[in-house]
Structure formats: structure tokens, C-alpha cells
Amino acid sequence: MDAAGGTELAIRTRKLNLWYGTFQALFDVDLEIRHGMITSLIGPSGCGKSTLLRSVNRINERLGYVRITGSVDVLGHDIYAPEVELVQVRQQVGMVFQRPNPLPISVRDNVLFGYDLHAGGRRKSRAEREEVLEDALRQVVLWDKVKDRLDHKATALSLEEQQKLCIARLLPVKPGVLLMDEPCSALDPRGTEAVEELIWELRGRYTILIVTHNMAQARRASEECIFMLLGKVIEHTDTAEMFVTPRHQETADYIEGRYG
């Protein structure tokens, strides 16, 4: 599953439906998300935002009672096609969760964990590994803070540093898409600002899809915005346009705090 370099769209869903047992969580979701864009997913709790996000890297299928119909194309490939292996999907689509989840090992080993895992038995030289390590940490603006603590446990870092490290851990395998599920919900305002700035720095190099309940964050940290309600996509447009002139009354009601 190699990146389709000439494909304008990074993610496309068609008639995507998902059920948890008998409960339908997604209804005929059609989406087109462009390469290199930061797109936020907003909507009230339980509207299907995280379910949609997790459908883009097949996390939902770990639950035996989940049923999915329709298609999800990532970088030009249907990730639910029978011939596509899960390891290929996870290499192209990285995921950042609400709470930082560094492994209880060193900073160095955290960053190189996925890189070594996907090396396919090919032993990389120390120089290659150190170059990859430094590049990933520089991309998340963490190198200068941790370069003298690379052999310290990652769990000793601040929450903000841990979340940046979790993003850095994804980068050595060169994903095309980064999924972020409320990545700032465990952070204080200063940490939130730092991670938002990082997300903005990464745009263009990666396609970023971020779930957030924070309206101000959606305005600050995304270029396009998707509003969901009761498992359906109501509106998908330029972020500034959505917050100034939403096309649908339901969107306006949510943005103005009338429910949610």
C-alpha cells in the first residue's frame, strides 16, 4: 500500500456505514479530504467523530461486534480491501490519542519503536537510527529539550512533551496521514498551545485529521472543518467559512452553543 503521489485526495469515504451490534453509528458518510490539509471534526458527544476517525485506520474492527459497509480510500487505496494487510494501513496512517501513551522505555526507544518494527528484519546502522531519531524529534520541536535525556524513561517527560513524543514516534515510518483524537484534552493551556503550534507546523508534510470538542481549537488549528450530527456529515467546508457563515441551521446552532 504505497502512497499514491499523484492523488489529490488523501482520504475518501463512500457510503460508509458502521454498526456497533444493532446500533448504527455512521450513516452513508461521503468525505473527501485533500493531501496536506489539517481538517477538524466537530460535533456533539456521540455524533460519530471518533468512530469515523478510527475507521480510517481500522481500529474499530478489533471489536467483534462492529460491522462496516462502504469504502474508505487512503492515499488511493481501499484500506478495507481483502488484500490490504493491517500492518500496511498502520504504516501509512498514524494515530494520536487523547492521553499521551508513551511506552515505559527510553525516549530513544519510543521514537524508534515503529521504525524498528517495520524494518522487516533489516538491521539499520547506528548512524542511520540516530539520524532518524533526531529528525523525528526536530519535526516535533522536541530535540533541544530531550537530546541530553534520550536514555531516560519517556514517562518522566511532561504531558506536553509526552504527547509530542507520541507524534514523533509515528514519523520515522513515513505515514501519509496523522489521525488525532482530542490530542490536547489532557493538557493545560500552555501545553495545548504548544501542540496546536506543532500541528500547524506539520501541515503540508502530512494530512492531519483531528477530532476536537474545542470550537476555538478547531478555528485556530484547522484549515477545513467537518460538522457531524447523529452519525451523519452535515457540513464540510473551509474552517473560517463554517464559523462565520455556516450553510446549515444545525451547524449554526452547534457553533453558537445551543446544544452539544
C-alpha atoms as a PDB file:
ATOM      1  CA  MET A   1       0.000   0.000   0.000  1.00  0.00           C
ATOM      2  CA  ASP A   2       2.285   2.761  -1.233  1.00  0.00           C
ATOM      3  CA  ALA A   3       1.298   6.412  -1.235  1.00  0.00           C
ATOM      4  CA  ALA A   4      -0.345   7.441  -4.481  1.00  0.00           C
ATOM      5  CA  GLY A   5       1.760  10.513  -5.109  1.00  0.00           C
ATOM      6  CA  GLY A   6      -0.407  11.939  -7.869  1.00  0.00           C
ATOM      7  CA  THR A   7      -3.662  11.527  -5.962  1.00  0.00           C
ATOM      8  CA  GLU A   8      -5.099  14.843  -4.857  1.00  0.00           C
ATOM      9  CA  LEU A   9      -7.206  13.250  -2.125  1.00  0.00           C
ATOM     10  CA  ALA A  10      -5.594  11.687   0.933  1.00  0.00           C
ATOM     11  CA  ILE A  11      -8.828  10.214   2.319  1.00  0.00           C
ATOM     12  CA  ARG A  12     -12.112   9.458   0.584  1.00  0.00           C
ATOM     13  CA  THR A  13     -15.089   7.635   2.037  1.00  0.00           C
ATOM     14  CA  ARG A  14     -18.086   6.462   0.060  1.00  0.00           C
ATOM     15  CA  LYS A  15     -21.399   5.362   1.614  1.00  0.00           C
ATOM     16  CA  LEU A  16     -19.572   4.490   4.835  1.00  0.00           C
ATOM     17  CA  ASN A  17     -21.899   2.889   7.386  1.00  0.00           C
ATOM     18  CA  LEU A  18     -20.899   1.389  10.719  1.00  0.00           C
ATOM     19  CA  TRP A  19     -22.820  -0.540  13.356  1.00  0.00           C
ATOM     20  CA  TYR A  20     -21.881  -1.440  16.927  1.00  0.00           C
ATOM     21  CA  GLY A  21     -24.047  -4.516  17.226  1.00  0.00           C
ATOM     22  CA  THR A  22     -27.526  -3.264  16.312  1.00  0.00           C
ATOM     23  CA  PHE A  23     -26.694   0.412  16.911  1.00  0.00           C
ATOM     24  CA  GLN A  24     -25.835   2.345  13.752  1.00  0.00           C
ATOM     25  CA  ALA A  25     -23.139   4.947  14.466  1.00  0.00           C
ATOM     26  CA  LEU A  26     -22.349   6.166  10.920  1.00  0.00           C
ATOM     27  CA  PHE A  27     -24.809   6.773   8.089  1.00  0.00           C
ATOM     28  CA  ASP A  28     -23.704   6.961   4.423  1.00  0.00           C
ATOM     29  CA  VAL A  29     -20.648   9.115   5.157  1.00  0.00           C
ATOM     30  CA  ASP A  30     -19.174  10.611   1.980  1.00  0.00           C
ATOM     31  CA  LEU A  31     -15.991  12.604   2.556  1.00  0.00           C
ATOM     32  CA  GLU A  32     -13.069  13.908   0.527  1.00  0.00           C
ATOM     33  CA  ILE A  33     -10.029  15.139   2.432  1.00  0.00           C
ATOM     34  CA  ARG A  34      -7.189  16.718   0.499  1.00  0.00           C
ATOM     35  CA  HIS A  35      -3.480  15.997   0.801  1.00  0.00           C
ATOM     36  CA  GLY A  36      -1.527  18.105   3.263  1.00  0.00           C
ATOM     37  CA  MET A  37      -4.571  19.735   4.864  1.00  0.00           C
ATOM     38  CA  ILE A  38      -5.477  19.978   8.547  1.00  0.00           C
ATOM     39  CA  THR A  39      -9.149  19.038   8.829  1.00  0.00           C
ATOM     40  CA  SER A  40     -11.049  19.167  12.123  1.00  0.00           C
ATOM     41  CA  LEU A  41     -14.044  17.009  13.027  1.00  0.00           C
ATOM     42  CA  ILE A  42     -16.535  18.738  15.330  1.00  0.00           C
ATOM     43  CA  GLY A  43     -19.948  17.872  16.699  1.00  0.00           C
ATOM     44  CA  PRO A  44     -21.685  16.923  19.965  1.00  0.00           C
ATOM     45  CA  SER A  45     -20.611  13.905  22.014  1.00  0.00           C
ATOM     46  CA  GLY A  46     -21.756  10.633  20.466  1.00  0.00           C
ATOM     47  CA  CYS A  47     -22.180  12.049  16.956  1.00  0.00           C
ATOM     48  CA  GLY A  48     -19.665   9.634  15.372  1.00  0.00           C
ATOM     49  CA  LYS A  49     -16.491  11.755  15.200  1.00  0.00           C
ATOM     50  CA  SER A  50     -14.153   9.276  16.901  1.00  0.00           C
ATOM     51  CA  THR A  51     -15.862   6.344  15.190  1.00  0.00           C
ATOM     52  CA  LEU A  52     -15.183   7.941  11.807  1.00  0.00           C
ATOM     53  CA  LEU A  53     -11.591   8.723  12.764  1.00  0.00           C
ATOM     54  CA  ARG A  54     -10.982   5.145  13.887  1.00  0.00           C
ATOM     55  CA  SER A  55     -12.479   3.813  10.667  1.00  0.00           C
ATOM     56  CA  VAL A  56      -9.611   5.441   8.755  1.00  0.00           C
ATOM     57  CA  ASN A  57      -7.020   3.141  10.352  1.00  0.00           C
ATOM     58  CA  ARG A  58      -9.242   0.135  11.041  1.00  0.00           C
ATOM     59  CA  ILE A  59      -9.103   0.293  14.839  1.00  0.00           C
ATOM     60  CA  ASN A  60     -12.854  -0.343  15.036  1.00  0.00           C
ATOM     61  CA  GLU A  61     -12.573  -3.783  13.519  1.00  0.00           C
ATOM     62  CA  ARG A  62     -10.811  -5.078  16.640  1.00  0.00           C
ATOM     63  CA  LEU A  63     -14.272  -5.162  18.208  1.00  0.00           C
ATOM     64  CA  GLY A  64     -16.002  -8.337  17.093  1.00  0.00           C
ATOM     65  CA  TYR A  65     -19.460  -6.760  17.099  1.00  0.00           C
ATOM     66  CA  VAL A  66     -18.615  -3.998  14.600  1.00  0.00           C
ATOM     67  CA  ARG A  67     -19.952  -4.197  11.038  1.00  0.00           C
ATOM     68  CA  ILE A  68     -18.865  -1.820   8.274  1.00  0.00           C
ATOM     69  CA  THR A  69     -20.148  -1.249   4.737  1.00  0.00           C
ATOM     70  CA  GLY A  70     -18.989   1.189   2.085  1.00  0.00           C
ATOM     71  CA  SER A  71     -15.395   2.125   1.323  1.00  0.00           C
ATOM     72  CA  VAL A  72     -12.501   4.079   2.828  1.00  0.00           C
ATOM     73  CA  ASP A  73      -9.702   5.028   0.422  1.00  0.00           C
ATOM     74  CA  VAL A  74      -6.441   6.273   1.924  1.00  0.00           C
ATOM     75  CA  LEU A  75      -3.758   7.554  -0.440  1.00  0.00           C
ATOM     76  CA  GLY A  76      -5.592   5.956  -3.352  1.00  0.00           C
ATOM     77  CA  HIS A  77      -6.106   2.503  -1.823  1.00  0.00           C
ATOM     78  CA  ASP A  78      -9.217   0.902  -0.339  1.00  0.00           C
ATOM     79  CA  ILE A  79      -7.934   0.036   3.156  1.00  0.00           C
ATOM     80  CA  TYR A  80     -10.740  -2.498   3.688  1.00  0.00           C
ATOM     81  CA  ALA A  81      -9.895  -4.464   0.514  1.00  0.00           C
ATOM     82  CA  PRO A  82      -9.167  -8.149   1.291  1.00  0.00           C
ATOM     83  CA  GLU A  83      -5.590  -7.955   0.001  1.00  0.00           C
ATOM     84  CA  VAL A  84      -4.621  -4.990   2.218  1.00  0.00           C
ATOM     85  CA  GLU A  85      -2.821  -6.040   5.410  1.00  0.00           C
ATOM     86  CA  LEU A  86      -3.375  -4.194   8.671  1.00  0.00           C
ATOM     87  CA  VAL A  87       0.355  -3.539   9.102  1.00  0.00           C
ATOM     88  CA  GLN A  88       0.355  -1.640   5.782  1.00  0.00           C
ATOM     89  CA  VAL A  89      -2.540   0.538   6.931  1.00  0.00           C
ATOM     90  CA  ARG A  90      -0.881   1.329  10.268  1.00  0.00           C
ATOM     91  CA  GLN A  91       2.335   2.282   8.478  1.00  0.00           C
ATOM     92  CA  GLN A  92       0.521   4.847   6.328  1.00  0.00           C
ATOM     93  CA  VAL A  93      -1.949   6.064   8.953  1.00  0.00           C
ATOM     94  CA  GLY A  94      -0.649   7.122  12.379  1.00  0.00           C
ATOM     95  CA  MET A  95      -2.890   7.689  15.399  1.00  0.00           C
ATOM     96  CA  VAL A  96      -2.544  10.034  18.380  1.00  0.00           C
ATOM     97  CA  PHE A  97      -4.905   9.505  21.305  1.00  0.00           C
ATOM     98  CA  GLN A  98      -6.490  11.752  23.954  1.00  0.00           C
ATOM     99  CA  ARG A  99      -3.974  10.921  26.641  1.00  0.00           C
ATOM    100  CA  PRO A 100      -0.289  10.567  25.769  1.00  0.00           C
ATOM    101  CA  ASN A 101       0.650   6.882  25.727  1.00  0.00           C
ATOM    102  CA  PRO A 102       4.460   6.642  25.611  1.00  0.00           C
ATOM    103  CA  LEU A 103       5.891   3.189  26.179  1.00  0.00           C
ATOM    104  CA  PRO A 104       7.633   2.724  29.560  1.00  0.00           C
ATOM    105  CA  ILE A 105      11.038   2.667  27.871  1.00  0.00           C
ATOM    106  CA  SER A 106      13.596   5.307  26.924  1.00  0.00           C
ATOM    107  CA  VAL A 107      12.847   8.364  24.789  1.00  0.00           C
ATOM    108  CA  ARG A 108      15.153   6.942  22.090  1.00  0.00           C
ATOM    109  CA  ASP A 109      13.449   3.533  22.043  1.00  0.00           C
ATOM    110  CA  ASN A 110       9.999   5.136  21.937  1.00  0.00           C
ATOM    111  CA  VAL A 111      10.813   7.131  18.805  1.00  0.00           C
ATOM    112  CA  LEU A 112      12.473   4.182  17.075  1.00  0.00           C
ATOM    113  CA  PHE A 113       9.910   1.563  18.139  1.00  0.00           C
ATOM    114  CA  GLY A 114       7.785   1.638  14.969  1.00  0.00           C
ATOM    115  CA  TYR A 115      10.835   2.219  12.771  1.00  0.00           C
ATOM    116  CA  ASP A 116      12.474  -0.973  14.056  1.00  0.00           C
ATOM    117  CA  LEU A 117       9.177  -2.869  13.930  1.00  0.00           C
ATOM    118  CA  HIS A 118       8.678  -2.070  10.229  1.00  0.00           C
ATOM    119  CA  ALA A 119      12.321  -2.671   9.291  1.00  0.00           C
ATOM    120  CA  GLY A 120      11.408  -6.217   8.245  1.00  0.00           C
ATOM    121  CA  GLY A 121      14.454  -7.751   9.890  1.00  0.00           C
ATOM    122  CA  ARG A 122      16.880  -5.399   8.123  1.00  0.00           C
ATOM    123  CA  ARG A 123      19.264  -4.115  10.756  1.00  0.00           C
ATOM    124  CA  LYS A 124      19.853  -0.393  10.416  1.00  0.00           C
ATOM    125  CA  SER A 125      23.217   1.098  11.288  1.00  0.00           C
ATOM    126  CA  ARG A 126      23.586   3.127  14.463  1.00  0.00           C
ATOM    127  CA  ALA A 127      24.233   6.243  12.370  1.00  0.00           C
ATOM    128  CA  GLU A 128      21.018   5.696  10.366  1.00  0.00           C
ATOM    129  CA  ARG A 129      18.969   5.173  13.521  1.00  0.00           C
ATOM    130  CA  GLU A 130      20.404   8.263  15.217  1.00  0.00           C
ATOM    131  CA  GLU A 131      19.653  10.352  12.127  1.00  0.00           C
ATOM    132  CA  VAL A 132      16.050   9.125  12.073  1.00  0.00           C
ATOM    133  CA  LEU A 133      15.738   9.762  15.815  1.00  0.00           C
ATOM    134  CA  GLU A 134      16.994  13.337  15.594  1.00  0.00           C
ATOM    135  CA  ASP A 135      14.896  14.141  12.513  1.00  0.00           C
ATOM    136  CA  ALA A 136      11.655  12.929  14.180  1.00  0.00           C
ATOM    137  CA  LEU A 137      12.351  14.852  17.381  1.00  0.00           C
ATOM    138  CA  ARG A 138      13.246  18.004  15.456  1.00  0.00           C
ATOM    139  CA  GLN A 139       9.992  17.781  13.476  1.00  0.00           C
ATOM    140  CA  VAL A 140       8.020  17.891  16.731  1.00  0.00           C
ATOM    141  CA  VAL A 141      10.242  20.640  18.186  1.00  0.00           C
ATOM    142  CA  LEU A 142      11.455  18.362  20.988  1.00  0.00           C
ATOM    143  CA  TRP A 143      15.090  17.697  20.087  1.00  0.00           C
ATOM    144  CA  ASP A 144      16.644  20.566  22.030  1.00  0.00           C
ATOM    145  CA  LYS A 145      14.640  19.665  25.144  1.00  0.00           C
ATOM    146  CA  VAL A 146      15.412  15.936  25.215  1.00  0.00           C
ATOM    147  CA  LYS A 147      18.718  15.458  23.356  1.00  0.00           C
ATOM    148  CA  ASP A 148      20.508  15.044  26.704  1.00  0.00           C
ATOM    149  CA  ARG A 149      17.789  12.736  28.084  1.00  0.00           C
ATOM    150  CA  LEU A 150      17.435  10.238  25.235  1.00  0.00           C
ATOM    151  CA  ASP A 151      18.133   7.267  27.529  1.00  0.00           C
ATOM    152  CA  HIS A 152      15.758   8.454  30.262  1.00  0.00           C
ATOM    153  CA  LYS A 153      12.293   6.929  30.571  1.00  0.00           C
ATOM    154  CA  ALA A 154       9.746   8.666  28.357  1.00  0.00           C
ATOM    155  CA  THR A 155       7.152   8.521  31.131  1.00  0.00           C
ATOM    156  CA  ALA A 156       9.255  11.057  33.092  1.00  0.00           C
ATOM    157  CA  LEU A 157       8.555  13.769  30.485  1.00  0.00           C
ATOM    158  CA  SER A 158       5.843  16.388  30.983  1.00  0.00           C
ATOM    159  CA  LEU A 159       2.418  15.625  29.469  1.00  0.00           C
ATOM    160  CA  GLU A 160       3.051  18.118  26.666  1.00  0.00           C
ATOM    161  CA  GLU A 161       6.435  16.512  25.905  1.00  0.00           C
ATOM    162  CA  GLN A 162       4.884  13.028  26.063  1.00  0.00           C
ATOM    163  CA  GLN A 163       2.217  13.980  23.510  1.00  0.00           C
ATOM    164  CA  LYS A 164       4.839  15.456  21.189  1.00  0.00           C
ATOM    165  CA  LEU A 165       6.884  12.276  21.645  1.00  0.00           C
ATOM    166  CA  CYS A 166       3.856  10.158  20.673  1.00  0.00           C
ATOM    167  CA  ILE A 167       3.629  12.170  17.444  1.00  0.00           C
ATOM    168  CA  ALA A 168       7.390  11.819  16.887  1.00  0.00           C
ATOM    169  CA  ARG A 169       7.049   8.029  17.298  1.00  0.00           C
ATOM    170  CA  LEU A 170       4.816   7.927  14.202  1.00  0.00           C
ATOM    171  CA  LEU A 171       7.074   9.901  11.860  1.00  0.00           C
ATOM    172  CA  PRO A 172      10.019   7.519  11.182  1.00  0.00           C
ATOM    173  CA  VAL A 173       7.737   5.094   9.283  1.00  0.00           C
ATOM    174  CA  LYS A 174       6.741   7.994   6.998  1.00  0.00           C
ATOM    175  CA  PRO A 175       2.936   7.950   7.327  1.00  0.00           C
ATOM    176  CA  GLY A 176       0.914   9.988   4.865  1.00  0.00           C
ATOM    177  CA  VAL A 177      -1.932  10.592   7.306  1.00  0.00           C
ATOM    178  CA  LEU A 178      -1.985  11.518  11.009  1.00  0.00           C
ATOM    179  CA  LEU A 179      -5.210  10.976  12.958  1.00  0.00           C
ATOM    180  CA  MET A 180      -5.581  12.868  16.241  1.00  0.00           C
ATOM    181  CA  ASP A 181      -8.395  12.117  18.690  1.00  0.00           C
ATOM    182  CA  GLU A 182      -8.703  15.056  21.118  1.00  0.00           C
ATOM    183  CA  PRO A 183      -4.876  15.303  21.325  1.00  0.00           C
ATOM    184  CA  CYS A 184      -4.940  18.255  23.751  1.00  0.00           C
ATOM    185  CA  SER A 185      -7.682  17.131  26.149  1.00  0.00           C
ATOM    186  CA  ALA A 186      -5.185  16.066  28.851  1.00  0.00           C
ATOM    187  CA  LEU A 187      -3.010  19.176  28.512  1.00  0.00           C
ATOM    188  CA  ASP A 188      -3.023  22.529  30.281  1.00  0.00           C
ATOM    189  CA  PRO A 189      -3.452  25.736  28.217  1.00  0.00           C
ATOM    190  CA  ARG A 190       0.294  26.128  27.672  1.00  0.00           C
ATOM    191  CA  GLY A 191       0.647  22.507  26.536  1.00  0.00           C
ATOM    192  CA  THR A 192      -2.407  22.866  24.298  1.00  0.00           C
ATOM    193  CA  GLU A 193      -0.897  25.921  22.626  1.00  0.00           C
ATOM    194  CA  ALA A 194       2.401  24.093  22.062  1.00  0.00           C
ATOM    195  CA  VAL A 195       0.731  21.049  20.475  1.00  0.00           C
ATOM    196  CA  GLU A 196      -1.523  23.251  18.306  1.00  0.00           C
ATOM    197  CA  GLU A 197       1.559  25.104  17.051  1.00  0.00           C
ATOM    198  CA  LEU A 198       3.185  21.760  16.281  1.00  0.00           C
ATOM    199  CA  ILE A 199       0.125  20.574  14.333  1.00  0.00           C
ATOM    200  CA  TRP A 200       0.272  23.772  12.287  1.00  0.00           C
ATOM    201  CA  GLU A 201       3.998  23.218  11.639  1.00  0.00           C
ATOM    202  CA  LEU A 202       3.325  19.692  10.328  1.00  0.00           C
ATOM    203  CA  ARG A 203       0.707  20.755   7.779  1.00  0.00           C
ATOM    204  CA  GLY A 204       1.713  20.203   4.181  1.00  0.00           C
ATOM    205  CA  ARG A 205       4.058  17.355   5.123  1.00  0.00           C
ATOM    206  CA  TYR A 206       1.202  15.247   6.471  1.00  0.00           C
ATOM    207  CA  THR A 207      -2.559  15.103   6.057  1.00  0.00           C
ATOM    208  CA  ILE A 208      -3.975  15.661   9.547  1.00  0.00           C
ATOM    209  CA  LEU A 209      -7.500  14.773  10.683  1.00  0.00           C
ATOM    210  CA  ILE A 210      -8.229  15.973  14.213  1.00  0.00           C
ATOM    211  CA  VAL A 211     -11.265  15.364  16.434  1.00  0.00           C
ATOM    212  CA  THR A 212     -11.942  18.178  18.891  1.00  0.00           C
ATOM    213  CA  HIS A 213     -14.725  19.377  21.169  1.00  0.00           C
ATOM    214  CA  ASN A 214     -12.983  22.728  21.446  1.00  0.00           C
ATOM    215  CA  MET A 215     -14.514  25.205  18.999  1.00  0.00           C
ATOM    216  CA  ALA A 216     -11.668  27.692  19.480  1.00  0.00           C
ATOM    217  CA  GLN A 217      -9.155  24.959  18.739  1.00  0.00           C
ATOM    218  CA  ALA A 218     -10.966  23.961  15.565  1.00  0.00           C
ATOM    219  CA  ARG A 219     -10.841  27.594  14.406  1.00  0.00           C
ATOM    220  CA  ARG A 220      -7.171  28.034  15.306  1.00  0.00           C
ATOM    221  CA  ALA A 221      -5.700  24.728  14.252  1.00  0.00           C
ATOM    222  CA  SER A 222      -7.518  23.583  11.092  1.00  0.00           C
ATOM    223  CA  GLU A 223      -7.937  24.695   7.501  1.00  0.00           C
ATOM    224  CA  GLU A 224     -11.129  22.762   6.778  1.00  0.00           C
ATOM    225  CA  CYS A 225     -13.844  21.661   9.170  1.00  0.00           C
ATOM    226  CA  ILE A 226     -16.402  18.841   9.187  1.00  0.00           C
ATOM    227  CA  PHE A 227     -19.535  19.109  11.342  1.00  0.00           C
ATOM    228  CA  MET A 228     -21.201  15.817  12.292  1.00  0.00           C
ATOM    229  CA  LEU A 229     -24.555  15.158  13.926  1.00  0.00           C
ATOM    230  CA  LEU A 230     -26.173  11.807  14.787  1.00  0.00           C
ATOM    231  CA  GLY A 231     -23.701   9.839  12.667  1.00  0.00           C
ATOM    232  CA  LYS A 232     -24.079  11.993   9.559  1.00  0.00           C
ATOM    233  CA  VAL A 233     -21.867  14.621   7.950  1.00  0.00           C
ATOM    234  CA  ILE A 234     -23.903  17.833   7.919  1.00  0.00           C
ATOM    235  CA  GLU A 235     -21.296  20.215   6.551  1.00  0.00           C
ATOM    236  CA  HIS A 236     -17.693  20.145   5.275  1.00  0.00           C
ATOM    237  CA  THR A 237     -16.117  23.419   4.263  1.00  0.00           C
ATOM    238  CA  ASP A 238     -13.330  25.930   4.872  1.00  0.00           C
ATOM    239  CA  THR A 239     -12.958  26.427   8.631  1.00  0.00           C
ATOM    240  CA  ALA A 240     -13.256  30.221   8.561  1.00  0.00           C
ATOM    241  CA  GLU A 241     -16.329  29.984   6.339  1.00  0.00           C
ATOM    242  CA  MET A 242     -18.023  27.448   8.608  1.00  0.00           C
ATOM    243  CA  PHE A 243     -17.602  29.596  11.700  1.00  0.00           C
ATOM    244  CA  VAL A 244     -18.635  32.841  10.013  1.00  0.00           C
ATOM    245  CA  THR A 245     -21.316  31.740   7.555  1.00  0.00           C
ATOM    246  CA  PRO A 246     -22.407  28.126   8.206  1.00  0.00           C
ATOM    247  CA  ARG A 247     -24.676  26.786   5.477  1.00  0.00           C
ATOM    248  CA  HIS A 248     -26.916  24.692   7.708  1.00  0.00           C
ATOM    249  CA  GLN A 249     -29.005  25.692  10.710  1.00  0.00           C
ATOM    250  CA  GLU A 250     -27.798  22.653  12.685  1.00  0.00           C
ATOM    251  CA  THR A 251     -24.193  23.817  12.235  1.00  0.00           C
ATOM    252  CA  ALA A 252     -25.045  27.331  13.360  1.00  0.00           C
ATOM    253  CA  ASP A 253     -26.907  26.015  16.397  1.00  0.00           C
ATOM    254  CA  TYR A 254     -23.915  23.904  17.455  1.00  0.00           C
ATOM    255  CA  ILE A 255     -21.314  26.616  16.903  1.00  0.00           C
ATOM    256  CA  GLU A 256     -23.437  29.107  18.849  1.00  0.00           C
ATOM    257  CA  GLY A 257     -23.737  26.659  21.747  1.00  0.00           C
ATOM    258  CA  ARG A 258     -27.429  25.891  21.518  1.00  0.00           C
ATOM    259  CA  TYR A 259     -26.707  22.186  22.047  1.00  0.00           C
ATOM    260  CA  GLY A 260     -23.791  19.793  22.335  1.00  0.00           C
END
